[in-house]
Every structure is written in C-alpha cells, then in structure tokens.
Amino acid sequence: MNLAHIDFEELPRALIVRVKGEIDLSNVDDIRNEVTARVASNIARVVLDLSATTYLDSSGIRLLFDLAERLQARRQQLALVVTDQALVRRVILLTKLDDEVPLHTTVESALGDLA
C-alpha cells in the first residue's frame, strides 16, 4: 500500500516537492531515494511542501534533518512549507526542526528571492 504520493515541480533554480499522505518507517527510504534522485546540481533550493502530509513519525523527521544536512553540504538549501493548519506542524515544532530548516506557510514564500 502506498502511503504517500509525491509530486515534483522543477523550476529554473528550485525543485518543489509536494508530499501528500504519510511519511513513516515503511516508506521513508523510498521517499528519500525519490527526492535525492531528482535534486540536480544546478538547484539552489528544494522546497518541501508538507501541507498535505497527514502523518510524520520519527523516521520522517530524521529524513528531513538528513536531507537538510545533505543539501547544505552541496551548497543547496532546504525550505519547508507547513501551513498553520497542517497536521505535521506540531511535530516539526516539537522536534525543533524549524531551528535547522526555514519554515514557511506558502510555496511562494519558500521560493523567496529565487522567484
């Protein structure tokens, strides 16, 4: 059973990744592989839209920390989009992920100076 659906939108200097559904131990490796395979070297920022993500466990949080670290090592940035109503917002704030990765409420805001 596929718990998450991922959509990619490629822009000139950014990759928007929209995750709808659940991120947990059963699918976190597949999500990691799909996302990292799509990040080209010319991308300045990866915008991960979690507005439609309904569940995020500790393996999902680890994925986000790892992805931020990997991108930073390549001089790329990760930005998260989590609306105030998003179900996973509380988990992100509790784990202090927002201290490491900029949190935005819209994709446009996350794209910021790249737009």
PDB file of N, CA and C in Angstrom:
ATOM      1  N   MET A   1       0.835  -1.182   0.000  1.00  0.00           N
ATOM      2  CA  MET A   1       0.000   0.000   0.000  1.00  0.00           C
ATOM      3  C   MET A   1       0.881   1.246   0.000  1.00  0.00           C
ATOM      4  N   ASN A   2       0.601   2.179  -0.885  1.00  0.00           N
ATOM      5  CA  ASN A   2       1.381   3.399  -0.994  1.00  0.00           C
ATOM      6  C   ASN A   2       0.788   4.454  -0.064  1.00  0.00           C
ATOM      7  N   LEU A   3       1.514   4.796   0.987  1.00  0.00           N
ATOM      8  CA  LEU A   3       1.009   5.736   1.983  1.00  0.00           C
ATOM      9  C   LEU A   3       1.187   7.193   1.582  1.00  0.00           C
ATOM     10  N   ALA A   4       2.107   7.443   0.650  1.00  0.00           N
ATOM     11  CA  ALA A   4       2.383   8.822   0.258  1.00  0.00           C
ATOM     12  C   ALA A   4       2.450   8.943  -1.259  1.00  0.00           C
ATOM     13  N   HIS A   5       2.023  10.103  -1.740  1.00  0.00           N
ATOM     14  CA  HIS A   5       2.141  10.433  -3.156  1.00  0.00           C
ATOM     15  C   HIS A   5       3.028  11.665  -3.246  1.00  0.00           C
ATOM     16  N   ILE A   6       4.016  11.621  -4.133  1.00  0.00           N
ATOM     17  CA  ILE A   6       4.953  12.727  -4.273  1.00  0.00           C
ATOM     18  C   ILE A   6       4.833  13.337  -5.660  1.00  0.00           C
ATOM     19  N   ASP A   7       4.687  14.653  -5.696  1.00  0.00           N
ATOM     20  CA  ASP A   7       4.681  15.403  -6.952  1.00  0.00           C
ATOM     21  C   ASP A   7       5.906  16.296  -6.984  1.00  0.00           C
ATOM     22  N   PHE A   8       6.531  16.387  -8.145  1.00  0.00           N
ATOM     23  CA  PHE A   8       7.700  17.239  -8.322  1.00  0.00           C
ATOM     24  C   PHE A   8       7.384  18.333  -9.330  1.00  0.00           C
ATOM     25  N   GLU A   9       7.844  19.536  -9.040  1.00  0.00           N
ATOM     26  CA  GLU A   9       7.735  20.646  -9.976  1.00  0.00           C
ATOM     27  C   GLU A   9       9.125  21.278 -10.080  1.00  0.00           C
ATOM     28  N   GLU A  10       9.680  21.203 -11.282  1.00  0.00           N
ATOM     29  CA  GLU A  10      11.027  21.722 -11.493  1.00  0.00           C
ATOM     30  C   GLU A  10      10.970  23.147 -12.024  1.00  0.00           C
ATOM     31  N   LEU A  11      11.646  24.045 -11.340  1.00  0.00           N
ATOM     32  CA  LEU A  11      11.779  25.434 -11.743  1.00  0.00           C
ATOM     33  C   LEU A  11      13.244  25.656 -12.124  1.00  0.00           C
ATOM     34  N   PRO A  12      13.586  26.796 -12.726  1.00  0.00           N
ATOM     35  CA  PRO A  12      14.977  27.008 -13.143  1.00  0.00           C
ATOM     36  C   PRO A  12      16.023  26.818 -12.029  1.00  0.00           C
ATOM     37  N   ARG A  13      15.748  27.289 -10.812  1.00  0.00           N
ATOM     38  CA  ARG A  13      16.749  27.165  -9.742  1.00  0.00           C
ATOM     39  C   ARG A  13      16.206  26.479  -8.497  1.00  0.00           C
ATOM     40  N   ALA A  14      15.015  25.889  -8.621  1.00  0.00           N
ATOM     41  CA  ALA A  14      14.398  25.264  -7.448  1.00  0.00           C
ATOM     42  C   ALA A  14      13.638  24.005  -7.850  1.00  0.00           C
ATOM     43  N   LEU A  15      13.489  23.141  -6.877  1.00  0.00           N
ATOM     44  CA  LEU A  15      12.679  21.936  -7.032  1.00  0.00           C
ATOM     45  C   LEU A  15      11.624  21.978  -5.947  1.00  0.00           C
ATOM     46  N   ILE A  16      10.358  21.926  -6.360  1.00  0.00           N
ATOM     47  CA  ILE A  16       9.268  21.872  -5.391  1.00  0.00           C
ATOM     48  C   ILE A  16       8.821  20.422  -5.280  1.00  0.00           C
ATOM     49  N   VAL A  17       8.799  19.924  -4.051  1.00  0.00           N
ATOM     50  CA  VAL A  17       8.398  18.547  -3.777  1.00  0.00           C
ATOM     51  C   VAL A  17       7.171  18.603  -2.879  1.00  0.00           C
ATOM     52  N   ARG A  18       6.057  18.059  -3.366  1.00  0.00           N
ATOM     53  CA  ARG A  18       4.822  18.044  -2.579  1.00  0.00           C
ATOM     54  C   ARG A  18       4.546  16.606  -2.133  1.00  0.00           C
ATOM     55  N   VAL A  19       4.430  16.422  -0.821  1.00  0.00           N
ATOM     56  CA  VAL A  19       4.173  15.091  -0.272  1.00  0.00           C
ATOM     57  C   VAL A  19       2.762  15.060   0.306  1.00  0.00           C
ATOM     58  N   LYS A  20       1.940  14.190  -0.256  1.00  0.00           N
ATOM     59  CA  LYS A  20       0.565  14.022   0.219  1.00  0.00           C
ATOM     60  C   LYS A  20       0.456  12.638   0.845  1.00  0.00           C
ATOM     61  N   GLY A  21      -0.011  12.594   2.090  1.00  0.00           N
ATOM     62  CA  GLY A  21      -0.162  11.309   2.775  1.00  0.00           C
ATOM     63  C   GLY A  21       0.756  11.196   3.965  1.00  0.00           C
ATOM     64  N   GLU A  22       1.235   9.988   4.218  1.00  0.00           N
ATOM     65  CA  GLU A  22       2.003   9.695   5.421  1.00  0.00           C
ATOM     66  C   GLU A  22       3.475   9.419   5.107  1.00  0.00           C
ATOM     67  N   ILE A  23       4.341   9.867   6.023  1.00  0.00           N
ATOM     68  CA  ILE A  23       5.763   9.525   5.959  1.00  0.00           C
ATOM     69  C   ILE A  23       6.081   8.779   7.244  1.00  0.00           C
ATOM     70  N   ASP A  24       6.433   7.498   7.100  1.00  0.00           N
ATOM     71  CA  ASP A  24       6.792   6.707   8.272  1.00  0.00           C
ATOM     72  C   ASP A  24       7.859   5.684   7.896  1.00  0.00           C
ATOM     73  N   LEU A  25       8.199   4.823   8.831  1.00  0.00           N
ATOM     74  CA  LEU A  25       9.279   3.856   8.638  1.00  0.00           C
ATOM     75  C   LEU A  25       9.070   2.987   7.402  1.00  0.00           C
ATOM     76  N   SER A  26       7.818   2.723   7.043  1.00  0.00           N
ATOM     77  CA  SER A  26       7.543   1.818   5.923  1.00  0.00           C
ATOM     78  C   SER A  26       7.858   2.430   4.559  1.00  0.00           C
ATOM     79  N   ASN A  27       7.885   3.760   4.449  1.00  0.00           N
ATOM     80  CA  ASN A  27       8.111   4.366   3.138  1.00  0.00           C
ATOM     81  C   ASN A  27       9.198   5.449   3.119  1.00  0.00           C
ATOM     82  N   VAL A  28       9.834   5.685   4.249  1.00  0.00           N
ATOM     83  CA  VAL A  28      10.803   6.784   4.326  1.00  0.00           C
ATOM     84  C   VAL A  28      11.988   6.585   3.374  1.00  0.00           C
ATOM     85  N   ASP A  29      12.448   5.362   3.194  1.00  0.00           N
ATOM     86  CA  ASP A  29      13.578   5.116   2.286  1.00  0.00           C
ATOM     87  C   ASP A  29      13.198   5.387   0.832  1.00  0.00           C
ATOM     88  N   ASP A  30      11.989   4.997   0.453  1.00  0.00           N
ATOM     89  CA  ASP A  30      11.510   5.271  -0.903  1.00  0.00           C
ATOM     90  C   ASP A  30      11.404   6.773  -1.156  1.00  0.00           C
ATOM     91  N   ILE A  31      10.892   7.497  -0.178  1.00  0.00           N
ATOM     92  CA  ILE A  31      10.768   8.954  -0.313  1.00  0.00           C
ATOM     93  C   ILE A  31      12.147   9.587  -0.412  1.00  0.00           C
ATOM     94  N   ARG A  32      13.070   9.169   0.448  1.00  0.00           N
ATOM     95  CA  ARG A  32      14.447   9.687   0.410  1.00  0.00           C
ATOM     96  C   ARG A  32      15.065   9.467  -0.972  1.00  0.00           C
ATOM     97  N   ASN A  33      14.943   8.262  -1.490  1.00  0.00           N
ATOM     98  CA  ASN A  33      15.529   7.929  -2.784  1.00  0.00           C
ATOM     99  C   ASN A  33      14.902   8.737  -3.921  1.00  0.00           C
ATOM    100  N   GLU A  34      13.575   8.873  -3.896  1.00  0.00           N
ATOM    101  CA  GLU A  34      12.887   9.632  -4.947  1.00  0.00           C
ATOM    102  C   GLU A  34      13.317  11.092  -4.941  1.00  0.00           C
ATOM    103  N   VAL A  35      13.369  11.691  -3.763  1.00  0.00           N
ATOM    104  CA  VAL A  35      13.704  13.117  -3.662  1.00  0.00           C
ATOM    105  C   VAL A  35      15.163  13.356  -4.038  1.00  0.00           C
ATOM    106  N   THR A  36      16.077  12.589  -3.479  1.00  0.00           N
ATOM    107  CA  THR A  36      17.502  12.835  -3.754  1.00  0.00           C
ATOM    108  C   THR A  36      17.844  12.575  -5.216  1.00  0.00           C
ATOM    109  N   ALA A  37      17.147  11.653  -5.855  1.00  0.00           N
ATOM    110  CA  ALA A  37      17.402  11.374  -7.275  1.00  0.00           C
ATOM    111  C   ALA A  37      16.991  12.549  -8.161  1.00  0.00           C
ATOM    112  N   ARG A  38      16.069  13.370  -7.700  1.00  0.00           N
ATOM    113  CA  ARG A  38      15.556  14.487  -8.512  1.00  0.00           C
ATOM    114  C   ARG A  38      16.307  15.800  -8.293  1.00  0.00           C
ATOM    115  N   VAL A  39      17.172  15.867  -7.283  1.00  0.00           N
ATOM    116  CA  VAL A  39      17.862  17.129  -6.977  1.00  0.00           C
ATOM    117  C   VAL A  39      19.097  17.269  -7.865  1.00  0.00           C
ATOM    118  N   ALA A  40      18.986  18.132  -8.865  1.00  0.00           N
ATOM    119  CA  ALA A  40      20.104  18.381  -9.787  1.00  0.00           C
ATOM    120  C   ALA A  40      21.108  19.333  -9.149  1.00  0.00           C
ATOM    121  N   SER A  41      22.310  19.343  -9.685  1.00  0.00           N
ATOM    122  CA  SER A  41      23.370  20.178  -9.120  1.00  0.00           C
ATOM    123  C   SER A  41      23.124  21.671  -9.314  1.00  0.00           C
ATOM    124  N   ASN A  42      22.290  22.047 -10.299  1.00  0.00           N
ATOM    125  CA  ASN A  42      22.025  23.464 -10.537  1.00  0.00           C
ATOM    126  C   ASN A  42      20.887  24.015  -9.677  1.00  0.00           C
ATOM    127  N   ILE A  43      20.298  23.189  -8.860  1.00  0.00           N
ATOM    128  CA  ILE A  43      19.196  23.597  -7.991  1.00  0.00           C
ATOM    129  C   ILE A  43      19.768  24.345  -6.777  1.00  0.00           C
ATOM    130  N   ALA A  44      19.223  25.523  -6.513  1.00  0.00           N
ATOM    131  CA  ALA A  44      19.669  26.295  -5.345  1.00  0.00           C
ATOM    132  C   ALA A  44      18.869  25.928  -4.098  1.00  0.00           C
ATOM    133  N   ARG A  45      17.585  25.594  -4.303  1.00  0.00           N
ATOM    134  CA  ARG A  45      16.724  25.349  -3.152  1.00  0.00           C
ATOM    135  C   ARG A  45      15.728  24.233  -3.453  1.00  0.00           C
ATOM    136  N   VAL A  46      15.540  23.386  -2.460  1.00  0.00           N
ATOM    137  CA  VAL A  46      14.489  22.372  -2.516  1.00  0.00           C
ATOM    138  C   VAL A  46      13.394  22.834  -1.560  1.00  0.00           C
ATOM    139  N   VAL A  47      12.193  23.001  -2.099  1.00  0.00           N
ATOM    140  CA  VAL A  47      11.048  23.395  -1.293  1.00  0.00           C
ATOM    141  C   VAL A  47      10.206  22.152  -1.075  1.00  0.00           C
ATOM    142  N   LEU A  48      10.130  21.717   0.168  1.00  0.00           N
ATOM    143  CA  LEU A  48       9.382  20.516   0.517  1.00  0.00           C
ATOM    144  C   LEU A  48       8.049  20.948   1.118  1.00  0.00           C
ATOM    145  N   ASP A  49       6.985  20.759   0.350  1.00  0.00           N
ATOM    146  CA  ASP A  49       5.648  21.176   0.769  1.00  0.00           C
ATOM    147  C   ASP A  49       4.976  20.025   1.520  1.00  0.00           C
ATOM    148  N   LEU A  50       4.829  20.208   2.834  1.00  0.00           N
ATOM    149  CA  LEU A  50       4.223  19.182   3.692  1.00  0.00           C
ATOM    150  C   LEU A  50       2.801  19.557   4.101  1.00  0.00           C
ATOM    151  N   SER A  51       2.195  20.494   3.392  1.00  0.00           N
ATOM    152  CA  SER A  51       0.841  20.955   3.733  1.00  0.00           C
ATOM    153  C   SER A  51      -0.182  19.828   3.695  1.00  0.00           C
ATOM    154  N   ALA A  52       0.005  18.868   2.794  1.00  0.00           N
ATOM    155  CA  ALA A  52      -0.944  17.751   2.658  1.00  0.00           C
ATOM    156  C   ALA A  52      -0.397  16.459   3.265  1.00  0.00           C
ATOM    157  N   THR A  53       0.660  16.588   4.067  1.00  0.00           N
ATOM    158  CA  THR A  53       1.214  15.412   4.757  1.00  0.00           C
ATOM    159  C   THR A  53       0.401  15.211   6.034  1.00  0.00           C
ATOM    160  N   THR A  54      -0.162  14.021   6.179  1.00  0.00           N
ATOM    161  CA  THR A  54      -1.079  13.769   7.291  1.00  0.00           C
ATOM    162  C   THR A  54      -0.417  13.110   8.489  1.00  0.00           C
ATOM    163  N   TYR A  55       0.782  12.550   8.300  1.00  0.00           N
ATOM    164  CA  TYR A  55       1.458  11.862   9.407  1.00  0.00           C
ATOM    165  C   TYR A  55       2.954  11.889   9.157  1.00  0.00           C
ATOM    166  N   LEU A  56       3.707  12.117  10.216  1.00  0.00           N
ATOM    167  CA  LEU A  56       5.159  12.186  10.131  1.00  0.00           C
ATOM    168  C   LEU A  56       5.719  11.596  11.420  1.00  0.00           C
ATOM    169  N   ASP A  57       6.368  10.423  11.325  1.00  0.00           N
ATOM    170  CA  ASP A  57       6.923   9.823  12.532  1.00  0.00           C
ATOM    171  C   ASP A  57       8.395  10.204  12.677  1.00  0.00           C
ATOM    172  N   SER A  58       9.073   9.600  13.634  1.00  0.00           N
ATOM    173  CA  SER A  58      10.472   9.963  13.914  1.00  0.00           C
ATOM    174  C   SER A  58      11.393   9.666  12.739  1.00  0.00           C
ATOM    175  N   SER A  59      11.095   8.640  11.965  1.00  0.00           N
ATOM    176  CA  SER A  59      11.935   8.354  10.789  1.00  0.00           C
ATOM    177  C   SER A  59      11.757   9.440   9.732  1.00  0.00           C
ATOM    178  N   GLY A  60      10.575  10.005   9.638  1.00  0.00           N
ATOM    179  CA  GLY A  60      10.323  11.113   8.729  1.00  0.00           C
ATOM    180  C   GLY A  60      11.058  12.371   9.167  1.00  0.00           C
ATOM    181  N   ILE A  61      11.062  12.637  10.456  1.00  0.00           N
ATOM    182  CA  ILE A  61      11.812  13.788  10.990  1.00  0.00           C
ATOM    183  C   ILE A  61      13.299  13.606  10.709  1.00  0.00           C
ATOM    184  N   ARG A  62      13.808  12.395  10.926  1.00  0.00           N
ATOM    185  CA  ARG A  62      15.217  12.100  10.650  1.00  0.00           C
ATOM    186  C   ARG A  62      15.532  12.349   9.175  1.00  0.00           C
ATOM    187  N   LEU A  63      14.630  11.937   8.301  1.00  0.00           N
ATOM    188  CA  LEU A  63      14.790  12.177   6.866  1.00  0.00           C
ATOM    189  C   LEU A  63      14.952  13.674   6.582  1.00  0.00           C
ATOM    190  N   LEU A  64      14.136  14.499   7.203  1.00  0.00           N
ATOM    191  CA  LEU A  64      14.192  15.938   6.968  1.00  0.00           C
ATOM    192  C   LEU A  64      15.502  16.540   7.463  1.00  0.00           C
ATOM    193  N   PHE A  65      15.958  16.116   8.640  1.00  0.00           N
ATOM    194  CA  PHE A  65      17.255  16.579   9.144  1.00  0.00           C
ATOM    195  C   PHE A  65      18.385  16.129   8.205  1.00  0.00           C
ATOM    196  N   ASP A  66      18.334  14.874   7.778  1.00  0.00           N
ATOM    197  CA  ASP A  66      19.368  14.339   6.876  1.00  0.00           C
ATOM    198  C   ASP A  66      19.375  15.058   5.535  1.00  0.00           C
ATOM    199  N   LEU A  67      18.197  15.309   5.006  1.00  0.00           N
ATOM    200  CA  LEU A  67      18.084  15.995   3.724  1.00  0.00           C
ATOM    201  C   LEU A  67      18.651  17.417   3.819  1.00  0.00           C
ATOM    202  N   ALA A  68      18.340  18.101   4.898  1.00  0.00           N
ATOM    203  CA  ALA A  68      18.873  19.458   5.108  1.00  0.00           C
ATOM    204  C   ALA A  68      20.396  19.434   5.161  1.00  0.00           C
ATOM    205  N   GLU A  69      20.950  18.458   5.870  1.00  0.00           N
ATOM    206  CA  GLU A  69      22.405  18.322   6.002  1.00  0.00           C
ATOM    207  C   GLU A  69      23.050  18.005   4.652  1.00  0.00           C
ATOM    208  N   ARG A  70      22.463  17.086   3.919  1.00  0.00           N
ATOM    209  CA  ARG A  70      22.993  16.689   2.615  1.00  0.00           C
ATOM    210  C   ARG A  70      22.992  17.867   1.638  1.00  0.00           C
ATOM    211  N   LEU A  71      21.898  18.607   1.611  1.00  0.00           N
ATOM    212  CA  LEU A  71      21.811  19.756   0.714  1.00  0.00           C
ATOM    213  C   LEU A  71      22.798  20.848   1.112  1.00  0.00           C
ATOM    214  N   GLN A  72      22.934  21.086   2.406  1.00  0.00           N
ATOM    215  CA  GLN A  72      23.864  22.109   2.885  1.00  0.00           C
ATOM    216  C   GLN A  72      25.296  21.777   2.471  1.00  0.00           C
ATOM    217  N   ALA A  73      25.649  20.507   2.513  1.00  0.00           N
ATOM    218  CA  ALA A  73      26.990  20.076   2.104  1.00  0.00           C
ATOM    219  C   ALA A  73      27.224  20.347   0.620  1.00  0.00           C
ATOM    220  N   ARG A  74      26.146  20.409  -0.151  1.00  0.00           N
ATOM    221  CA  ARG A  74      26.240  20.680  -1.597  1.00  0.00           C
ATOM    222  C   ARG A  74      25.958  22.156  -1.913  1.00  0.00           C
ATOM    223  N   ARG A  75      25.934  22.989  -0.876  1.00  0.00           N
ATOM    224  CA  ARG A  75      25.645  24.429  -1.012  1.00  0.00           C
ATOM    225  C   ARG A  75      24.256  24.670  -1.604  1.00  0.00           C
ATOM    226  N   GLN A  76      23.330  23.837  -1.188  1.00  0.00           N
ATOM    227  CA  GLN A  76      21.931  23.972  -1.573  1.00  0.00           C
ATOM    228  C   GLN A  76      21.115  24.140  -0.295  1.00  0.00           C
ATOM    229  N   GLN A  77      19.899  24.620  -0.436  1.00  0.00           N
ATOM    230  CA  GLN A  77      19.062  24.879   0.735  1.00  0.00           C
ATOM    231  C   GLN A  77      17.795  24.030   0.710  1.00  0.00           C
ATOM    232  N   LEU A  78      17.318  23.733   1.905  1.00  0.00           N
ATOM    233  CA  LEU A  78      16.013  23.094   2.059  1.00  0.00           C
ATOM    234  C   LEU A  78      15.097  24.088   2.752  1.00  0.00           C
ATOM    235  N   ALA A  79      13.887  24.215   2.254  1.00  0.00           N
ATOM    236  CA  ALA A  79      12.858  25.026   2.904  1.00  0.00           C
ATOM    237  C   ALA A  79      11.604  24.172   3.017  1.00  0.00           C
ATOM    238  N   LEU A  80      10.928  24.277   4.145  1.00  0.00           N
ATOM    239  CA  LEU A  80       9.703  23.512   4.364  1.00  0.00           C
ATOM    240  C   LEU A  80       8.489  24.415   4.272  1.00  0.00           C
ATOM    241  N   VAL A  81       7.420  23.877   3.688  1.00  0.00           N
ATOM    242  CA  VAL A  81       6.145  24.579   3.658  1.00  0.00           C
ATOM    243  C   VAL A  81       5.183  23.784   4.524  1.00  0.00           C
ATOM    244  N   VAL A  82       4.744  24.433   5.600  1.00  0.00           N
ATOM    245  CA  VAL A  82       3.816  23.811   6.538  1.00  0.00           C
ATOM    246  C   VAL A  82       2.829  24.892   6.961  1.00  0.00           C
ATOM    247  N   THR A  83       1.598  24.766   6.550  1.00  0.00           N
ATOM    248  CA  THR A  83       0.597  25.766   6.921  1.00  0.00           C
ATOM    249  C   THR A  83       0.315  25.685   8.417  1.00  0.00           C
ATOM    250  N   ASP A  84      -0.306  26.718   8.937  1.00  0.00           N
ATOM    251  CA  ASP A  84      -0.661  26.723  10.364  1.00  0.00           C
ATOM    252  C   ASP A  84      -1.619  25.589  10.702  1.00  0.00           C
ATOM    253  N   GLN A  85      -2.408  25.146   9.707  1.00  0.00           N
ATOM    254  CA  GLN A  85      -3.385  24.071   9.929  1.00  0.00           C
ATOM    255  C   GLN A  85      -2.822  22.675   9.643  1.00  0.00           C
ATOM    256  N   ALA A  86      -1.620  22.597   9.107  1.00  0.00           N
ATOM    257  CA  ALA A  86      -1.050  21.296   8.720  1.00  0.00           C
ATOM    258  C   ALA A  86      -0.938  20.374   9.935  1.00  0.00           C
ATOM    259  N   LEU A  87      -1.289  19.124   9.719  1.00  0.00           N
ATOM    260  CA  LEU A  87      -1.279  18.145  10.805  1.00  0.00           C
ATOM    261  C   LEU A  87       0.123  17.884  11.353  1.00  0.00           C
ATOM    262  N   VAL A  88       1.150  18.059  10.541  1.00  0.00           N
ATOM    263  CA  VAL A  88       2.510  17.732  10.984  1.00  0.00           C
ATOM    264  C   VAL A  88       3.243  18.929  11.595  1.00  0.00           C
ATOM    265  N   ARG A  89       2.622  20.087  11.624  1.00  0.00           N
ATOM    266  CA  ARG A  89       3.281  21.295  12.137  1.00  0.00           C
ATOM    267  C   ARG A  89       3.771  21.116  13.582  1.00  0.00           C
ATOM    268  N   ARG A  90       2.933  20.554  14.417  1.00  0.00           N
ATOM    269  CA  ARG A  90       3.284  20.395  15.838  1.00  0.00           C
ATOM    270  C   ARG A  90       4.522  19.515  16.007  1.00  0.00           C
ATOM    271  N   VAL A  91       4.596  18.436  15.242  1.00  0.00           N
ATOM    272  CA  VAL A  91       5.756  17.531  15.320  1.00  0.00           C
ATOM    273  C   VAL A  91       7.030  18.274  14.923  1.00  0.00           C
ATOM    274  N   ILE A  92       6.945  19.076  13.874  1.00  0.00           N
ATOM    275  CA  ILE A  92       8.111  19.833  13.397  1.00  0.00           C
ATOM    276  C   ILE A  92       8.570  20.825  14.458  1.00  0.00           C
ATOM    277  N   LEU A  93       7.626  21.500  15.102  1.00  0.00           N
ATOM    278  CA  LEU A  93       7.983  22.464  16.145  1.00  0.00           C
ATOM    279  C   LEU A  93       8.519  21.775  17.399  1.00  0.00           C
ATOM    280  N   LEU A  94       7.918  20.658  17.784  1.00  0.00           N
ATOM    281  CA  LEU A  94       8.372  19.926  18.973  1.00  0.00           C
ATOM    282  C   LEU A  94       9.795  19.388  18.822  1.00  0.00           C
ATOM    283  N   THR A  95      10.152  18.977  17.605  1.00  0.00           N
ATOM    284  CA  THR A  95      11.491  18.420  17.374  1.00  0.00           C
ATOM    285  C   THR A  95      12.518  19.502  17.059  1.00  0.00           C
ATOM    286  N   LYS A  96      12.062  20.764  17.021  1.00  0.00           N
ATOM    287  CA  LYS A  96      12.929  21.918  16.742  1.00  0.00           C
ATOM    288  C   LYS A  96      13.572  21.845  15.353  1.00  0.00           C
ATOM    289  N   LEU A  97      12.929  21.128  14.448  1.00  0.00           N
ATOM    290  CA  LEU A  97      13.391  21.072  13.068  1.00  0.00           C
ATOM    291  C   LEU A  97      13.411  22.471  12.461  1.00  0.00           C
ATOM    292  N   ASP A  98      12.471  23.310  12.915  1.00  0.00           N
ATOM    293  CA  ASP A  98      12.396  24.680  12.400  1.00  0.00           C
ATOM    294  C   ASP A  98      13.615  25.529  12.795  1.00  0.00           C
ATOM    295  N   ASP A  99      14.422  25.066  13.752  1.00  0.00           N
ATOM    296  CA  ASP A  99      15.681  25.755  14.084  1.00  0.00           C
ATOM    297  C   ASP A  99      16.737  25.508  13.005  1.00  0.00           C
ATOM    298  N   GLU A 100      16.617  24.382  12.293  1.00  0.00           N
ATOM    299  CA  GLU A 100      17.589  23.981  11.275  1.00  0.00           C
ATOM    300  C   GLU A 100      17.147  24.314   9.855  1.00  0.00           C
ATOM    301  N   VAL A 101      15.839  24.251   9.639  1.00  0.00           N
ATOM    302  CA  VAL A 101      15.288  24.411   8.295  1.00  0.00           C
ATOM    303  C   VAL A 101      14.232  25.512   8.334  1.00  0.00           C
ATOM    304  N   PRO A 102      14.340  26.497   7.423  1.00  0.00           N
ATOM    305  CA  PRO A 102      13.329  27.562   7.397  1.00  0.00           C
ATOM    306  C   PRO A 102      11.932  27.002   7.142  1.00  0.00           C
ATOM    307  N   LEU A 103      10.984  27.517   7.915  1.00  0.00           N
ATOM    308  CA  LEU A 103       9.599  27.086   7.826  1.00  0.00           C
ATOM    309  C   LEU A 103       8.777  28.211   7.201  1.00  0.00           C
ATOM    310  N   HIS A 104       7.985  27.871   6.202  1.00  0.00           N
ATOM    311  CA  HIS A 104       7.144  28.849   5.506  1.00  0.00           C
ATOM    312  C   HIS A 104       5.721  28.336   5.468  1.00  0.00           C
ATOM    313  N   THR A 105       4.776  29.249   5.249  1.00  0.00           N
ATOM    314  CA  THR A 105       3.373  28.830   5.167  1.00  0.00           C
ATOM    315  C   THR A 105       2.891  28.727   3.724  1.00  0.00           C
ATOM    316  N   THR A 106       3.698  29.216   2.759  1.00  0.00           N
ATOM    317  CA  THR A 106       3.346  29.086   1.344  1.00  0.00           C
ATOM    318  C   THR A 106       4.580  28.730   0.527  1.00  0.00           C
ATOM    319  N   VAL A 107       4.347  28.098  -0.626  1.00  0.00           N
ATOM    320  CA  VAL A 107       5.451  27.766  -1.532  1.00  0.00           C
ATOM    321  C   VAL A 107       6.100  29.056  -2.037  1.00  0.00           C
ATOM    322  N   GLU A 108       5.288  30.065  -2.325  1.00  0.00           N
ATOM    323  CA  GLU A 108       5.814  31.337  -2.835  1.00  0.00           C
ATOM    324  C   GLU A 108       6.788  31.966  -1.847  1.00  0.00           C
ATOM    325  N   SER A 109       6.438  31.930  -0.578  1.00  0.00           N
ATOM    326  CA  SER A 109       7.308  32.464   0.458  1.00  0.00           C
ATOM    327  C   SER A 109       8.607  31.661   0.548  1.00  0.00           C
ATOM    328  N   ALA A 110       8.496  30.342   0.426  1.00  0.00           N
ATOM    329  CA  ALA A 110       9.682  29.477   0.497  1.00  0.00           C
ATOM    330  C   ALA A 110      10.621  29.707  -0.687  1.00  0.00           C
ATOM    331  N   LEU A 111      10.063  30.050  -1.834  1.00  0.00           N
ATOM    332  CA  LEU A 111      10.888  30.338  -3.005  1.00  0.00           C
ATOM    333  C   LEU A 111      11.607  31.675  -2.842  1.00  0.00           C
ATOM    334  N   GLY A 112      10.968  32.594  -2.147  1.00  0.00           N
ATOM    335  CA  GLY A 112      11.566  33.865  -1.775  1.00  0.00           C
ATOM    336  C   GLY A 112      12.321  34.555  -2.889  1.00  0.00           C
ATOM    337  N   ASP A 113      13.596  34.798  -2.667  1.00  0.00           N
ATOM    338  CA  ASP A 113      14.430  35.556  -3.604  1.00  0.00           C
ATOM    339  C   ASP A 113      14.731  34.800  -4.894  1.00  0.00           C
ATOM    340  N   LEU A 114      14.359  33.548  -4.986  1.00  0.00           N
ATOM    341  CA  LEU A 114      14.600  32.784  -6.214  1.00  0.00           C
ATOM    342  C   LEU A 114      13.523  33.055  -7.261  1.00  0.00           C
ATOM    343  N   ALA A 115      12.365  33.502  -6.798  1.00  0.00           N
ATOM    344  CA  ALA A 115      11.221  33.681  -7.708  1.00  0.00           C
ATOM    345  C   ALA A 115      11.461  34.796  -8.705  1.00  0.00           C
TER     346      ALA A 115
END
